[in-house]
Amino acid sequence: MAAASNRTIGIGIDYSPTSKSAVRWTIENLACAGDRVVLIHVLSKSDSNIQKQLWKEKGSPLIPLEEFKELNLSVQYGITPDGEVLDILQSASKTKQVKVLAKIYWGDPREKLCEAVEDLKLDSLVVGSRGMGTIKRVLLGSVSNYVLTNATCPVTVVKSIV
C-alpha cells in the first residue's frame, strides 16, 4: 500500500456512465490513504430549492459520505446518489482510508468545476468525457475541454469504455 497522503482530489459527477467511470478510475488509480475525495455536483441554475438560495454563491457545505448516503439528500438538494457509486466510495473509505465528501454547486458545470478547484484547493480534478463528436462539441461546448483549458490544477479526463 502506498504511503499516507493528504491530497484533495475532486471528481465531477452527474451519475452518467462516464462520471461513474471517473469515480472508479480515481479510486483504483489515484486515491491513497489520507486523501480527501470530493464529489462535485453541479446542478442547473433553474433548479430551485431552499438549499440553492442559501448556498448559490459558494455551493453547499461539504457533506460527509455518511450524510450523503441518507435519503433526505434528494429532498434537500434535488439529487439522488447512485447506489453503485456509493458502494465504491464506501469501500474506498474503509479499505483505502480516504475521506469522502460531496459538494453541490448551481450554475454552468464548466465554470463551477473550475471554481471548485480554487474553492476546495484541489490538488487534482477528475472528470468523465461524454465522447461527443466534433460538431456537437463545437455547438454545445465540452465541459471536459473547458476544464482542461481553464482549471488551475492537473485534470484527468476519463473516457467510458463501451
Protein backbone atom coordinates (compact mmCIF):
# COMPACT_ATOMS: atom_id res chain seq x y z
CA MET A 1 0.00 0.00 0.00
CA ALA A 2 1.20 3.50 -0.81
CA ALA A 3 2.37 5.85 1.92
CA ALA A 4 -0.22 8.11 3.52
CA SER A 5 -1.06 11.19 1.50
CA ASN A 6 -3.03 14.34 2.22
CA ARG A 7 -4.21 15.44 -1.21
CA THR A 8 -7.65 16.72 -2.10
CA ILE A 9 -8.98 15.10 -5.26
CA GLY A 10 -12.18 16.35 -6.89
CA ILE A 11 -14.43 14.25 -9.11
CA GLY A 12 -17.04 15.94 -11.29
CA ILE A 13 -20.14 13.75 -11.14
CA ASP A 14 -23.58 13.68 -12.68
CA TYR A 15 -24.08 9.88 -12.42
CA SER A 16 -23.71 9.40 -16.16
CA PRO A 17 -21.77 6.29 -17.20
CA THR A 18 -18.65 8.38 -17.86
CA SER A 19 -18.78 10.10 -14.47
CA LYS A 20 -19.15 6.69 -12.81
CA SER A 21 -16.07 5.60 -14.75
CA ALA A 22 -14.28 8.68 -13.39
CA VAL A 23 -15.17 7.64 -9.83
CA ARG A 24 -13.95 4.07 -10.41
CA TRP A 25 -10.75 5.27 -12.09
CA THR A 26 -9.98 7.74 -9.29
CA ILE A 27 -10.43 5.15 -6.55
CA GLU A 28 -8.46 2.45 -8.39
CA ASN A 29 -5.61 4.61 -9.72
CA LEU A 30 -5.27 7.86 -7.83
CA ALA A 31 -6.67 7.81 -4.29
CA CYS A 32 -4.30 6.86 -1.45
CA ALA A 33 -4.64 6.61 2.31
CA GLY A 34 -5.15 10.04 3.84
CA ASP A 35 -6.56 11.66 0.68
CA ARG A 36 -9.81 13.61 0.63
CA VAL A 37 -12.04 12.71 -2.31
CA VAL A 38 -14.74 15.31 -3.03
CA LEU A 39 -17.66 14.51 -5.32
CA ILE A 40 -18.57 17.74 -7.10
CA HIS A 41 -22.18 18.04 -8.29
CA VAL A 42 -23.25 20.97 -10.42
CA LEU A 43 -26.99 21.46 -10.65
CA SER A 44 -28.73 23.62 -13.20
CA LYS A 45 -29.30 27.30 -12.47
CA SER A 46 -33.01 26.61 -12.90
CA ASP A 47 -33.11 24.04 -10.10
CA SER A 48 -34.72 25.84 -7.23
CA ASN A 49 -34.89 24.75 -3.65
CA ILE A 50 -34.16 26.23 -0.25
CA GLN A 51 -30.56 24.99 -0.23
CA LYS A 52 -29.80 26.71 -3.54
CA GLN A 53 -30.97 30.02 -2.13
CA LEU A 54 -28.75 29.55 0.94
CA TRP A 55 -25.64 28.36 -0.90
CA LYS A 56 -25.92 29.53 -4.53
CA GLU A 57 -22.77 31.69 -4.45
CA LYS A 58 -20.20 29.29 -2.95
CA GLY A 59 -22.03 25.98 -3.09
CA SER A 60 -23.24 23.78 -0.29
CA PRO A 61 -21.17 23.00 2.77
CA LEU A 62 -19.04 19.86 2.43
CA ILE A 63 -21.25 16.83 3.01
CA PRO A 64 -19.61 13.75 4.62
CA LEU A 65 -20.25 10.38 2.92
CA GLU A 66 -22.38 9.17 5.84
CA GLU A 67 -24.79 12.11 5.40
CA PHE A 68 -24.60 11.90 1.62
CA LYS A 69 -25.99 8.37 1.77
CA GLU A 70 -29.13 9.50 3.61
CA LEU A 71 -32.39 9.60 1.71
CA ASN A 72 -33.26 13.19 2.64
CA LEU A 73 -30.45 14.40 0.37
CA SER A 74 -32.72 14.13 -2.64
CA VAL A 75 -35.28 16.30 -0.85
CA GLN A 76 -32.72 18.84 0.41
CA TYR A 77 -30.72 19.26 -2.79
CA GLY A 78 -32.72 17.60 -5.56
CA ILE A 79 -30.18 14.85 -6.27
CA THR A 80 -30.38 11.11 -5.79
CA PRO A 81 -26.98 9.47 -5.30
CA ASP A 82 -26.35 6.31 -7.30
CA GLY A 83 -26.09 3.12 -5.21
CA GLU A 84 -23.17 1.74 -7.23
CA VAL A 85 -21.16 4.95 -6.76
CA LEU A 86 -21.95 5.00 -3.04
CA ASP A 87 -20.77 1.37 -2.72
CA ILE A 88 -17.48 2.17 -4.47
CA LEU A 89 -16.92 5.19 -2.23
CA GLN A 90 -17.90 3.37 0.98
CA SER A 91 -15.46 0.59 0.13
CA ALA A 92 -12.68 3.09 -0.65
CA SER A 93 -13.36 4.89 2.60
CA LYS A 94 -12.79 1.67 4.54
CA THR A 95 -10.10 -0.14 2.55
CA LYS A 96 -8.02 2.81 1.36
CA GLN A 97 -8.66 5.12 4.33
CA VAL A 98 -9.78 8.02 2.15
CA LYS A 99 -12.20 10.64 3.42
CA VAL A 100 -15.13 11.04 1.04
CA LEU A 101 -17.15 14.27 0.90
CA ALA A 102 -19.58 15.86 -1.52
CA LYS A 103 -20.23 19.47 -2.51
CA ILE A 104 -23.05 20.85 -4.60
CA TYR A 105 -22.89 23.93 -6.81
CA TRP A 106 -25.51 25.60 -9.01
CA GLY A 107 -24.75 27.01 -12.45
CA ASP A 108 -22.69 26.21 -15.54
CA PRO A 109 -20.72 22.98 -14.93
CA ARG A 110 -17.68 24.31 -16.80
CA GLU A 111 -17.38 27.41 -14.65
CA LYS A 112 -18.38 25.76 -11.37
CA LEU A 113 -15.88 22.90 -11.73
CA CYS A 114 -13.11 25.45 -12.25
CA GLU A 115 -14.36 27.47 -9.26
CA ALA A 116 -14.35 24.28 -7.19
CA VAL A 117 -10.64 23.82 -7.90
CA GLU A 118 -9.95 27.13 -6.15
CA ASP A 119 -12.67 26.86 -3.51
CA LEU A 120 -11.67 23.35 -2.38
CA LYS A 121 -7.94 23.83 -3.06
CA LEU A 122 -7.92 20.71 -5.21
CA ASP A 123 -4.63 19.02 -5.97
CA SER A 124 -6.26 17.17 -8.87
CA LEU A 125 -9.62 17.03 -10.67
CA VAL A 126 -11.07 14.02 -12.49
CA VAL A 127 -13.96 14.31 -14.96
CA GLY A 128 -15.63 11.97 -17.39
CA SER A 129 -15.79 12.55 -21.12
CA ARG A 130 -19.14 12.08 -22.81
CA GLY A 131 -17.39 11.48 -26.12
CA MET A 132 -19.42 13.93 -28.19
CA GLY A 133 -18.48 14.19 -31.81
CA THR A 134 -16.66 17.23 -33.14
CA ILE A 135 -19.80 19.05 -34.32
CA LYS A 136 -21.71 18.57 -31.04
CA ARG A 137 -18.63 19.59 -29.06
CA VAL A 138 -18.31 22.81 -31.09
CA LEU A 139 -22.03 23.63 -30.82
CA LEU A 140 -22.63 22.61 -27.21
CA GLY A 141 -19.19 23.07 -25.77
CA SER A 142 -17.35 20.35 -23.91
CA VAL A 143 -17.16 20.51 -20.12
CA SER A 144 -14.01 18.38 -20.09
CA ASN A 145 -12.27 20.52 -22.75
CA TYR A 146 -13.15 23.72 -20.91
CA VAL A 147 -11.93 22.36 -17.57
CA LEU A 148 -8.71 21.05 -19.14
CA THR A 149 -8.01 24.50 -20.52
CA ASN A 150 -9.05 26.62 -17.52
CA ALA A 151 -8.55 24.67 -14.29
CA THR A 152 -5.53 25.62 -12.19
CA CYS A 153 -4.71 22.05 -11.14
CA PRO A 154 -3.94 18.85 -13.03
CA VAL A 155 -7.06 17.44 -14.73
CA THR A 156 -7.65 13.83 -15.76
CA VAL A 157 -10.36 13.08 -18.32
CA VAL A 158 -11.64 9.50 -18.10
CA LYS A 159 -13.32 8.01 -21.15
CA SER A 160 -16.03 5.43 -20.63
CA ILE A 161 -15.27 2.06 -22.12
CA VAL A 162 -18.32 0.87 -24.02
